[in-house]
């Protein structure tokens, strides 16, 4: 099953919710979301910097990952970036493909 990393940045509204409910409440709220979509939450980590949290998850396909990201972002409490993760085997398969690309000026 494909793996995705969701990078979340909380709005003031979202941060107020985290402070009121506690950090574990976010994990507890997200795990069933991924499960209901046929996937699994692999990990959830809070972070310093412009990204407040990272969720690592398995989901059936890109459309499902997009649906989750759209639902979360439309709450107004968080903005998300979704990154599709690749295994080493997938990268090796990509390396093996011939791509007829020519760099500008080459």
Protein backbone atom coordinates (compact mmCIF):
# COMPACT_ATOMS: atom_id res chain seq x y z
CA UNK A 1 0.00 0.00 0.00
CA UNK A 2 1.40 3.47 -0.83
CA UNK A 3 2.85 5.55 2.00
CA UNK A 4 2.32 9.27 2.46
CA UNK A 5 3.67 11.96 4.73
CA UNK A 6 1.29 14.74 5.65
CA UNK A 7 3.03 17.91 6.84
CA UNK A 8 0.63 19.98 8.92
CA UNK A 9 0.86 23.61 9.98
CA UNK A 10 -1.74 24.69 12.51
CA UNK A 11 -3.62 27.97 12.31
CA UNK A 12 -4.25 29.87 15.55
CA UNK A 13 -7.59 28.07 15.76
CA UNK A 14 -5.84 24.71 15.41
CA UNK A 15 -3.17 25.53 17.99
CA UNK A 16 -5.86 26.66 20.42
CA UNK A 17 -7.53 23.26 19.93
CA UNK A 18 -4.28 21.35 20.52
CA UNK A 19 -3.63 23.35 23.69
CA UNK A 20 -7.18 22.75 24.95
CA UNK A 21 -7.41 19.03 24.13
CA UNK A 22 -3.76 17.99 24.36
CA UNK A 23 -1.42 16.61 21.72
CA UNK A 24 -2.49 12.97 22.11
CA UNK A 25 -6.04 13.98 21.14
CA UNK A 26 -4.77 14.76 17.61
CA UNK A 27 -3.30 11.28 17.25
CA UNK A 28 -6.46 9.72 18.64
CA UNK A 29 -8.57 11.76 16.20
CA UNK A 30 -6.49 10.95 13.11
CA UNK A 31 -5.93 7.21 13.49
CA UNK A 32 -9.60 6.32 12.86
CA UNK A 33 -9.71 8.69 9.88
CA UNK A 34 -7.00 6.73 8.08
CA UNK A 35 -8.54 3.40 9.09
CA UNK A 36 -11.98 4.47 7.78
CA UNK A 37 -10.35 5.23 4.43
CA UNK A 38 -8.82 1.76 4.19
CA UNK A 39 -5.42 2.76 5.49
CA UNK A 40 -3.35 3.02 8.64
CA UNK A 41 -1.62 5.77 10.61
CA UNK A 42 2.02 4.65 10.94
CA UNK A 43 3.20 7.54 13.09
CA UNK A 44 2.43 11.07 14.21
CA UNK A 45 5.14 13.51 15.30
CA UNK A 46 5.07 17.12 16.43
CA UNK A 47 7.92 19.32 15.22
CA UNK A 48 9.62 22.68 15.57
CA UNK A 49 9.61 25.20 12.72
CA UNK A 50 7.11 26.08 10.01
CA UNK A 51 5.64 22.56 10.08
CA UNK A 52 3.93 21.74 13.36
CA UNK A 53 3.28 18.03 12.85
CA UNK A 54 3.98 15.12 10.51
CA UNK A 55 1.64 12.18 10.00
CA UNK A 56 3.00 9.08 8.26
CA UNK A 57 0.29 6.87 6.82
CA UNK A 58 -0.54 4.09 4.41
CA UNK A 59 -3.53 4.69 2.15
CA UNK A 60 -4.92 2.72 -0.79
CA UNK A 61 -4.16 5.32 -3.49
CA UNK A 62 -3.43 8.95 -4.37
CA UNK A 63 -7.10 9.86 -4.61
CA UNK A 64 -7.71 8.69 -1.05
CA UNK A 65 -4.67 10.62 0.19
CA UNK A 66 -5.98 13.72 -1.60
CA UNK A 67 -9.42 13.24 -0.04
CA UNK A 68 -7.91 13.09 3.45
CA UNK A 69 -5.74 16.17 2.82
CA UNK A 70 -8.70 18.14 1.45
CA UNK A 71 -10.91 17.21 4.41
CA UNK A 72 -8.24 18.16 6.95
CA UNK A 73 -7.31 21.42 5.21
CA UNK A 74 -10.94 22.46 4.74
CA UNK A 75 -11.39 22.48 8.53
CA UNK A 76 -9.58 25.82 8.68
CA UNK A 77 -7.57 24.60 11.68
CA UNK A 78 -4.61 23.33 9.69
CA UNK A 79 -2.95 23.58 6.30
CA UNK A 80 -1.37 20.45 4.87
CA UNK A 81 1.23 19.36 2.35
CA UNK A 82 1.07 15.78 1.15
CA UNK A 83 4.24 13.96 0.12
CA UNK A 84 4.06 10.53 -1.50
CA UNK A 85 6.86 8.34 -0.17
CA UNK A 86 8.74 5.80 -2.29
CA UNK A 87 10.56 2.63 -1.31
CA UNK A 88 14.13 1.91 -2.42
CA UNK A 89 12.74 -0.66 -4.90
CA UNK A 90 10.49 1.99 -6.45
CA UNK A 91 13.41 4.41 -6.83
CA UNK A 92 15.56 1.66 -8.37
CA UNK A 93 12.76 0.94 -10.85
CA UNK A 94 12.61 4.65 -11.71
CA UNK A 95 16.38 4.79 -12.22
CA UNK A 96 16.12 1.88 -14.65
CA UNK A 97 13.70 3.78 -16.92
CA UNK A 98 15.22 5.63 -19.87
CA UNK A 99 14.00 9.24 -20.04
CA UNK A 100 14.61 11.18 -23.29
CA UNK A 101 15.24 14.52 -21.55
CA UNK A 102 17.62 17.21 -22.80
CA UNK A 103 18.68 20.01 -20.43
CA UNK A 104 18.31 23.61 -21.66
CA UNK A 105 21.33 24.60 -23.71
CA UNK A 106 22.65 21.03 -23.92
